[in-house]
Amino acid sequence: MGQFPHQVALFLLDSMGNTYLCGGSIIDKNWVITAGHCTSNIDRAVVIAGNTNISDRSNYEQLRYVNRSDLHTHPFYNPVTLRFDVSLIHLQEPLNYNENVSQIGIVLNNQSASYAGERSTASGFGKTGDNETSSDVLMYTSFDVISNEECVKYYSPLVVDYSNICVNTTGPHSTCQGDSGGPLVLDSSGRQIGLTSFGGSSCQKGIPVGFTRLSAHRFFIQFTTRMSFD
């Protein structure tokens, strides 16, 4: 796990008994950040930290059970436009940091950076292809960031703006269903700049993937956690 000790898997349960898989990342012993569409209308969640294989339940290193009151979806999250697609999960019992579990630095103070042309890495337990199931093993892949001007060509009329970062997925290497909320990390700094938000109807056709830009939600993150981040 040492390469991605900040990565967590999220199992989410709604009021109808449906379960969902998302990703997230540890930004503090008591806080996980993920996508708003992962926690919206969710009643309970299980956070799994420190595991690269989530199929072996006997080997779960650290589990945290979360009630609805500790799921902080952005109050302006819009499920149609995916604006404000960010959420914070409060862990009443703090995580114990070790070589497999630790926080990642997040970039909140560089809203003007486009990152276009820079290399970044996403990770998660989502599907490995359009016709595949979610992965039991933590997967990751790297991309080049592209400009929002290039990205919007694929998603109009969905708004792609300052609150998004997009990446090129030709290869094909892409995030897919189940990776939502997982981190996008800038390779040059090792710090998280985004989280998986939206993609095309296919994970294998080279359509750019959109991420929520963390710096666009600095106030929400700092206000909710009552913490300051560099």
C-alpha atoms as a PDB file:
ATOM      1  CA  MET A   1       0.000   0.000   0.000  1.00  0.00           C
ATOM      2  CA  GLY A   2       2.997   2.265   0.524  1.00  0.00           C
ATOM      3  CA  GLN A   3       2.613   3.961  -2.859  1.00  0.00           C
ATOM      4  CA  PHE A   4      -0.916   5.205  -2.080  1.00  0.00           C
ATOM      5  CA  PRO A   5      -1.322   5.253   1.715  1.00  0.00           C
ATOM      6  CA  HIS A   6      -3.825   8.098   1.383  1.00  0.00           C
ATOM      7  CA  GLN A   7      -6.255   6.049  -0.732  1.00  0.00           C
ATOM      8  CA  VAL A   8      -9.423   4.697   0.853  1.00  0.00           C
ATOM      9  CA  ALA A   9     -12.301   2.605  -0.459  1.00  0.00           C
ATOM     10  CA  LEU A  10     -15.822   3.708   0.424  1.00  0.00           C
ATOM     11  CA  PHE A  11     -18.835   1.415   0.634  1.00  0.00           C
ATOM     12  CA  LEU A  12     -21.985   3.531   0.740  1.00  0.00           C
ATOM     13  CA  LEU A  13     -25.543   2.547   1.654  1.00  0.00           C
ATOM     14  CA  ASP A  14     -28.660   4.553   0.807  1.00  0.00           C
ATOM     15  CA  SER A  15     -32.097   4.437   2.455  1.00  0.00           C
ATOM     16  CA  MET A  16     -33.330   1.865  -0.072  1.00  0.00           C
ATOM     17  CA  GLY A  17     -30.585  -0.579   0.827  1.00  0.00           C
ATOM     18  CA  ASN A  18     -28.578   0.008  -2.360  1.00  0.00           C
ATOM     19  CA  THR A  19     -24.799  -0.076  -2.021  1.00  0.00           C
ATOM     20  CA  TYR A  20     -22.216   1.874  -3.978  1.00  0.00           C
ATOM     21  CA  LEU A  21     -18.446   1.927  -4.290  1.00  0.00           C
ATOM     22  CA  CYS A  22     -16.395   5.110  -4.376  1.00  0.00           C
ATOM     23  CA  GLY A  23     -12.881   6.196  -3.618  1.00  0.00           C
ATOM     24  CA  GLY A  24     -11.528   8.902  -1.388  1.00  0.00           C
ATOM     25  CA  SER A  25      -8.360  10.186   0.163  1.00  0.00           C
ATOM     26  CA  ILE A  26      -7.172  10.899   3.675  1.00  0.00           C
ATOM     27  CA  ILE A  27      -6.438  14.569   4.311  1.00  0.00           C
ATOM     28  CA  ASP A  28      -6.316  14.283   8.107  1.00  0.00           C
ATOM     29  CA  LYS A  29      -6.668  11.545  10.711  1.00  0.00           C
ATOM     30  CA  ASN A  30     -10.310  12.526  11.098  1.00  0.00           C
ATOM     31  CA  TRP A  31     -11.177  13.561   7.533  1.00  0.00           C
ATOM     32  CA  VAL A  32     -11.590  11.914   4.128  1.00  0.00           C
ATOM     33  CA  ILE A  33     -12.384  13.859   0.968  1.00  0.00           C
ATOM     34  CA  THR A  34     -14.479  12.408  -1.848  1.00  0.00           C
ATOM     35  CA  ALA A  35     -17.045  13.406  -4.480  1.00  0.00           C
ATOM     36  CA  GLY A  36     -20.385  14.971  -3.654  1.00  0.00           C
ATOM     37  CA  HIS A  37     -22.222  12.481  -5.857  1.00  0.00           C
ATOM     38  CA  CYS A  38     -20.790   9.682  -3.699  1.00  0.00           C
ATOM     39  CA  THR A  39     -22.366  10.853  -0.442  1.00  0.00           C
ATOM     40  CA  SER A  40     -25.496  12.667  -1.597  1.00  0.00           C
ATOM     41  CA  ASN A  41     -28.574  10.830  -0.254  1.00  0.00           C
ATOM     42  CA  ILE A  42     -26.420   8.265   1.524  1.00  0.00           C
ATOM     43  CA  ASP A  43     -27.347   7.065   5.023  1.00  0.00           C
ATOM     44  CA  ARG A  44     -24.238   5.174   6.080  1.00  0.00           C
ATOM     45  CA  ALA A  45     -20.707   4.546   4.880  1.00  0.00           C
ATOM     46  CA  VAL A  46     -17.783   2.278   5.583  1.00  0.00           C
ATOM     47  CA  VAL A  47     -14.288   3.682   5.092  1.00  0.00           C
ATOM     48  CA  ILE A  48     -11.549   1.138   4.416  1.00  0.00           C
ATOM     49  CA  ALA A  49      -8.000   2.418   4.816  1.00  0.00           C
ATOM     50  CA  GLY A  50      -4.653   0.693   4.371  1.00  0.00           C
ATOM     51  CA  ASN A  51      -5.667  -2.073   1.964  1.00  0.00           C
ATOM     52  CA  THR A  52      -4.698  -2.680  -1.656  1.00  0.00           C
ATOM     53  CA  ASN A  53      -7.019  -5.698  -1.913  1.00  0.00           C
ATOM     54  CA  ILE A  54     -10.530  -5.122  -0.587  1.00  0.00           C
ATOM     55  CA  SER A  55     -11.774  -8.646  -1.337  1.00  0.00           C
ATOM     56  CA  ASP A  56     -10.011 -10.107   1.723  1.00  0.00           C
ATOM     57  CA  ARG A  57     -12.188  -8.818   4.538  1.00  0.00           C
ATOM     58  CA  SER A  58     -10.204 -10.772   7.119  1.00  0.00           C
ATOM     59  CA  ASN A  59      -7.209  -8.573   6.305  1.00  0.00           C
ATOM     60  CA  TYR A  60      -8.825  -5.127   6.549  1.00  0.00           C
ATOM     61  CA  GLU A  61      -6.336  -2.949   8.377  1.00  0.00           C
ATOM     62  CA  GLN A  62      -8.529  -0.063   9.467  1.00  0.00           C
ATOM     63  CA  LEU A  63     -12.301   0.305   9.118  1.00  0.00           C
ATOM     64  CA  ARG A  64     -14.386   3.255  10.152  1.00  0.00           C
ATOM     65  CA  TYR A  65     -18.196   3.243  10.195  1.00  0.00           C
ATOM     66  CA  VAL A  66     -19.809   6.577   9.400  1.00  0.00           C
ATOM     67  CA  ASN A  67     -23.354   7.778   9.989  1.00  0.00           C
ATOM     68  CA  ARG A  68     -25.209  10.278   7.835  1.00  0.00           C
ATOM     69  CA  SER A  69     -24.498  13.163  10.213  1.00  0.00           C
ATOM     70  CA  ASP A  70     -20.773  12.843   9.444  1.00  0.00           C
ATOM     71  CA  LEU A  71     -21.221  12.914   5.656  1.00  0.00           C
ATOM     72  CA  HIS A  72     -20.733  16.540   4.611  1.00  0.00           C
ATOM     73  CA  THR A  73     -21.801  16.876   0.976  1.00  0.00           C
ATOM     74  CA  HIS A  74     -21.235  20.375  -0.373  1.00  0.00           C
ATOM     75  CA  PRO A  75     -24.493  22.264   0.290  1.00  0.00           C
ATOM     76  CA  PHE A  76     -24.609  23.522  -3.304  1.00  0.00           C
ATOM     77  CA  TYR A  77     -23.900  20.167  -4.946  1.00  0.00           C
ATOM     78  CA  ASN A  78     -25.986  19.797  -8.110  1.00  0.00           C
ATOM     79  CA  PRO A  79     -26.563  16.221  -9.345  1.00  0.00           C
ATOM     80  CA  VAL A  80     -27.540  17.424 -12.838  1.00  0.00           C
ATOM     81  CA  THR A  81     -24.609  19.717 -13.605  1.00  0.00           C
ATOM     82  CA  LEU A  82     -22.163  18.097 -11.134  1.00  0.00           C
ATOM     83  CA  ARG A  83     -21.206  21.525  -9.872  1.00  0.00           C
ATOM     84  CA  PHE A  84     -19.736  21.585  -6.348  1.00  0.00           C
ATOM     85  CA  ASP A  85     -19.039  17.848  -6.625  1.00  0.00           C
ATOM     86  CA  VAL A  86     -17.112  17.475  -3.375  1.00  0.00           C
ATOM     87  CA  SER A  87     -17.798  15.991   0.041  1.00  0.00           C
ATOM     88  CA  LEU A  88     -16.001  15.548   3.342  1.00  0.00           C
ATOM     89  CA  ILE A  89     -16.351  12.537   5.621  1.00  0.00           C
ATOM     90  CA  HIS A  90     -15.705  13.028   9.308  1.00  0.00           C
ATOM     91  CA  LEU A  91     -14.257  10.054  11.173  1.00  0.00           C
ATOM     92  CA  GLN A  92     -15.250  10.061  14.828  1.00  0.00           C
ATOM     93  CA  GLU A  93     -12.427   7.589  15.528  1.00  0.00           C
ATOM     94  CA  PRO A  94      -9.173   8.930  14.054  1.00  0.00           C
ATOM     95  CA  LEU A  95      -7.086   6.792  11.766  1.00  0.00           C
ATOM     96  CA  ASN A  96      -3.795   5.415  13.004  1.00  0.00           C
ATOM     97  CA  TYR A  97      -1.011   6.474  10.658  1.00  0.00           C
ATOM     98  CA  ASN A  98       1.625   3.982   9.580  1.00  0.00           C
ATOM     99  CA  GLU A  99       3.367   3.002   6.343  1.00  0.00           C
ATOM    100  CA  ASN A 100       0.038   1.910   4.845  1.00  0.00           C
ATOM    101  CA  VAL A 101      -2.196   4.719   6.143  1.00  0.00           C
ATOM    102  CA  SER A 102      -1.312   8.392   5.985  1.00  0.00           C
ATOM    103  CA  GLN A 103      -2.645  11.681   4.686  1.00  0.00           C
ATOM    104  CA  ILE A 104      -1.860  13.406   1.419  1.00  0.00           C
ATOM    105  CA  GLY A 105      -1.151  17.082   0.969  1.00  0.00           C
ATOM    106  CA  ILE A 106      -3.861  18.940  -0.920  1.00  0.00           C
ATOM    107  CA  VAL A 107      -3.451  22.012  -3.120  1.00  0.00           C
ATOM    108  CA  LEU A 108      -5.930  24.731  -2.173  1.00  0.00           C
ATOM    109  CA  ASN A 109      -4.025  27.896  -2.999  1.00  0.00           C
ATOM    110  CA  ASN A 110      -3.381  27.738  -6.741  1.00  0.00           C
ATOM    111  CA  GLN A 111      -6.705  28.395  -8.427  1.00  0.00           C
ATOM    112  CA  SER A 112      -5.114  30.032 -11.474  1.00  0.00           C
ATOM    113  CA  ALA A 113      -2.908  27.076 -12.448  1.00  0.00           C
ATOM    114  CA  SER A 114      -4.163  25.208 -15.524  1.00  0.00           C
ATOM    115  CA  TYR A 115      -1.728  22.279 -15.093  1.00  0.00           C
ATOM    116  CA  ALA A 116      -2.185  21.641 -18.843  1.00  0.00           C
ATOM    117  CA  GLY A 117       0.573  19.368 -20.101  1.00  0.00           C
ATOM    118  CA  GLU A 118       1.572  18.215 -16.630  1.00  0.00           C
ATOM    119  CA  ARG A 119       1.545  14.554 -15.623  1.00  0.00           C
ATOM    120  CA  SER A 120      -0.911  13.358 -12.988  1.00  0.00           C
ATOM    121  CA  THR A 121      -2.000  10.042 -11.474  1.00  0.00           C
ATOM    122  CA  ALA A 122      -5.424   8.739 -10.453  1.00  0.00           C
ATOM    123  CA  SER A 123      -6.095   5.628  -8.376  1.00  0.00           C
ATOM    124  CA  GLY A 124      -9.076   3.570  -7.277  1.00  0.00           C
ATOM    125  CA  PHE A 125     -10.971   0.285  -7.064  1.00  0.00           C
ATOM    126  CA  GLY A 126     -13.375   0.989  -9.924  1.00  0.00           C
ATOM    127  CA  LYS A 127     -14.190  -1.017 -13.027  1.00  0.00           C
ATOM    128  CA  THR A 128     -11.250  -1.977 -15.246  1.00  0.00           C
ATOM    129  CA  GLY A 129     -13.363  -1.747 -18.413  1.00  0.00           C
ATOM    130  CA  ASP A 130     -16.856  -1.041 -19.669  1.00  0.00           C
ATOM    131  CA  ASN A 131     -17.908  -4.677 -19.350  1.00  0.00           C
ATOM    132  CA  GLU A 132     -15.874  -5.479 -16.248  1.00  0.00           C
ATOM    133  CA  THR A 133     -16.710  -5.424 -12.564  1.00  0.00           C
ATOM    134  CA  SER A 134     -15.022  -3.240  -9.988  1.00  0.00           C
ATOM    135  CA  SER A 135     -11.474  -4.194  -9.087  1.00  0.00           C
ATOM    136  CA  ASP A 136     -10.658  -5.869  -5.785  1.00  0.00           C
ATOM    137  CA  VAL A 137      -7.094  -4.628  -6.181  1.00  0.00           C
ATOM    138  CA  LEU A 138      -6.129  -0.960  -6.094  1.00  0.00           C
ATOM    139  CA  MET A 139      -5.355   0.222  -9.620  1.00  0.00           C
ATOM    140  CA  TYR A 140      -3.756   3.407 -10.874  1.00  0.00           C
ATOM    141  CA  THR A 141      -2.923   5.138 -14.119  1.00  0.00           C
ATOM    142  CA  SER A 142      -1.252   8.354 -15.241  1.00  0.00           C
ATOM    143  CA  PHE A 143      -2.445  11.044 -17.628  1.00  0.00           C
ATOM    144  CA  ASP A 144      -1.540  14.380 -19.119  1.00  0.00           C
ATOM    145  CA  VAL A 145      -3.731  17.244 -17.935  1.00  0.00           C
ATOM    146  CA  ILE A 146      -5.487  19.081 -20.770  1.00  0.00           C
ATOM    147  CA  SER A 147      -7.002  22.534 -20.923  1.00  0.00           C
ATOM    148  CA  ASN A 148     -10.644  23.060 -20.039  1.00  0.00           C
ATOM    149  CA  GLU A 149     -11.099  24.534 -23.509  1.00  0.00           C
ATOM    150  CA  GLU A 150     -10.198  21.158 -24.983  1.00  0.00           C
ATOM    151  CA  CYS A 151     -12.307  19.261 -22.456  1.00  0.00           C
ATOM    152  CA  VAL A 152     -15.517  21.225 -23.006  1.00  0.00           C
ATOM    153  CA  LYS A 153     -15.634  20.047 -26.630  1.00  0.00           C
ATOM    154  CA  TYR A 154     -16.634  16.632 -25.321  1.00  0.00           C
ATOM    155  CA  TYR A 155     -19.080  17.709 -22.634  1.00  0.00           C
ATOM    156  CA  SER A 156     -21.072  20.695 -23.858  1.00  0.00           C
ATOM    157  CA  PRO A 157     -23.654  21.654 -22.621  1.00  0.00           C
ATOM    158  CA  LEU A 158     -22.240  20.303 -19.325  1.00  0.00           C
ATOM    159  CA  VAL A 159     -20.287  23.201 -17.875  1.00  0.00           C
ATOM    160  CA  VAL A 160     -16.536  22.662 -17.631  1.00  0.00           C
ATOM    161  CA  ASP A 161     -15.075  25.648 -15.828  1.00  0.00           C
ATOM    162  CA  TYR A 162     -12.563  26.895 -13.253  1.00  0.00           C
ATOM    163  CA  SER A 163     -13.818  24.293 -10.769  1.00  0.00           C
ATOM    164  CA  ASN A 164     -12.673  21.390 -12.967  1.00  0.00           C
ATOM    165  CA  ILE A 165      -9.455  19.772 -14.142  1.00  0.00           C
ATOM    166  CA  CYS A 166      -9.552  17.450 -17.163  1.00  0.00           C
ATOM    167  CA  VAL A 167      -7.121  14.792 -18.375  1.00  0.00           C
ATOM    168  CA  ASN A 168      -6.413  13.036 -21.656  1.00  0.00           C
ATOM    169  CA  THR A 169      -7.382   9.339 -21.515  1.00  0.00           C
ATOM    170  CA  THR A 170      -6.255   8.139 -24.930  1.00  0.00           C
ATOM    171  CA  GLY A 171      -4.351   4.895 -24.617  1.00  0.00           C
ATOM    172  CA  PRO A 172      -6.885   3.816 -23.413  1.00  0.00           C
ATOM    173  CA  HIS A 173      -6.292   4.341 -19.718  1.00  0.00           C
ATOM    174  CA  SER A 174      -9.053   5.952 -17.708  1.00  0.00           C
ATOM    175  CA  THR A 175     -10.943   6.112 -14.483  1.00  0.00           C
ATOM    176  CA  CYS A 176     -14.270   4.295 -14.534  1.00  0.00           C
ATOM    177  CA  GLN A 177     -17.384   3.615 -12.466  1.00  0.00           C
ATOM    178  CA  GLY A 178     -16.384   3.047  -8.845  1.00  0.00           C
ATOM    179  CA  ASP A 179     -13.384   5.371  -9.007  1.00  0.00           C
ATOM    180  CA  SER A 180     -15.497   8.439  -8.220  1.00  0.00           C
ATOM    181  CA  GLY A 181     -14.108  10.590  -5.432  1.00  0.00           C
ATOM    182  CA  GLY A 182     -10.632   9.146  -5.721  1.00  0.00           C
ATOM    183  CA  PRO A 183      -7.574  11.390  -5.871  1.00  0.00           C
ATOM    184  CA  LEU A 184      -5.873  13.059  -8.818  1.00  0.00           C
ATOM    185  CA  VAL A 185      -2.281  13.676  -7.763  1.00  0.00           C
ATOM    186  CA  LEU A 186       0.224  15.907  -9.529  1.00  0.00           C
ATOM    187  CA  ASP A 187       3.278  13.759 -10.226  1.00  0.00           C
ATOM    188  CA  SER A 188       5.761  16.615  -9.866  1.00  0.00           C
ATOM    189  CA  SER A 189       4.708  17.483  -6.307  1.00  0.00           C
ATOM    190  CA  GLY A 190       2.958  14.360  -5.008  1.00  0.00           C
ATOM    191  CA  ARG A 191       0.049  16.514  -3.860  1.00  0.00           C
ATOM    192  CA  GLN A 192      -3.637  16.105  -4.646  1.00  0.00           C
ATOM    193  CA  ILE A 193      -5.147  18.674  -6.992  1.00  0.00           C
ATOM    194  CA  GLY A 194      -8.479  17.034  -7.830  1.00  0.00           C
ATOM    195  CA  LEU A 195     -10.914  14.179  -7.293  1.00  0.00           C
ATOM    196  CA  THR A 196     -12.667  11.990  -9.837  1.00  0.00           C
ATOM    197  CA  SER A 197     -15.993  13.546 -10.846  1.00  0.00           C
ATOM    198  CA  PHE A 198     -17.284  12.679 -14.342  1.00  0.00           C
ATOM    199  CA  GLY A 199     -16.459  10.838 -17.546  1.00  0.00           C
ATOM    200  CA  GLY A 200     -17.946   9.763 -20.845  1.00  0.00           C
ATOM    201  CA  SER A 201     -20.433   6.959 -21.416  1.00  0.00           C
ATOM    202  CA  SER A 202     -17.496   4.639 -22.116  1.00  0.00           C
ATOM    203  CA  CYS A 203     -14.324   4.218 -20.081  1.00  0.00           C
ATOM    204  CA  GLN A 204     -12.423   2.867 -23.094  1.00  0.00           C
ATOM    205  CA  LYS A 205     -12.991   5.359 -25.918  1.00  0.00           C
ATOM    206  CA  GLY A 206     -10.427   7.969 -24.939  1.00  0.00           C
ATOM    207  CA  ILE A 207     -12.953  10.566 -23.809  1.00  0.00           C
ATOM    208  CA  PRO A 208     -11.388  13.035 -21.329  1.00  0.00           C
ATOM    209  CA  VAL A 209     -12.212  12.603 -17.658  1.00  0.00           C
ATOM    210  CA  GLY A 210     -13.242  15.526 -15.458  1.00  0.00           C
ATOM    211  CA  PHE A 211     -12.088  16.051 -11.890  1.00  0.00           C
ATOM    212  CA  THR A 212     -13.271  18.447  -9.202  1.00  0.00           C
ATOM    213  CA  ARG A 213     -10.533  21.017  -8.606  1.00  0.00           C
ATOM    214  CA  LEU A 214      -9.864  21.135  -4.876  1.00  0.00           C
ATOM    215  CA  SER A 215      -8.667  24.731  -4.865  1.00  0.00           C
ATOM    216  CA  ALA A 216     -12.079  25.840  -6.160  1.00  0.00           C
ATOM    217  CA  HIS A 217     -13.572  24.622  -2.882  1.00  0.00           C
ATOM    218  CA  ARG A 218     -11.013  25.930  -0.425  1.00  0.00           C
ATOM    219  CA  PHE A 219     -13.567  27.725   1.735  1.00  0.00           C
ATOM    220  CA  PHE A 220     -15.851  24.690   2.005  1.00  0.00           C
ATOM    221  CA  ILE A 221     -12.952  22.386   2.916  1.00  0.00           C
ATOM    222  CA  GLN A 222     -11.435  24.686   5.509  1.00  0.00           C
ATOM    223  CA  PHE A 223     -14.773  25.767   6.987  1.00  0.00           C
ATOM    224  CA  THR A 224     -16.063  22.181   7.319  1.00  0.00           C
ATOM    225  CA  THR A 225     -12.891  20.716   8.791  1.00  0.00           C
ATOM    226  CA  ARG A 226     -12.027  23.816  10.838  1.00  0.00           C
ATOM    227  CA  MET A 227      -8.488  23.302   9.604  1.00  0.00           C
ATOM    228  CA  SER A 228      -6.008  25.225   7.492  1.00  0.00           C
ATOM    229  CA  PHE A 229      -4.162  23.596   4.606  1.00  0.00           C
ATOM    230  CA  ASP A 230      -1.104  24.864   2.731  1.00  0.00           C
END
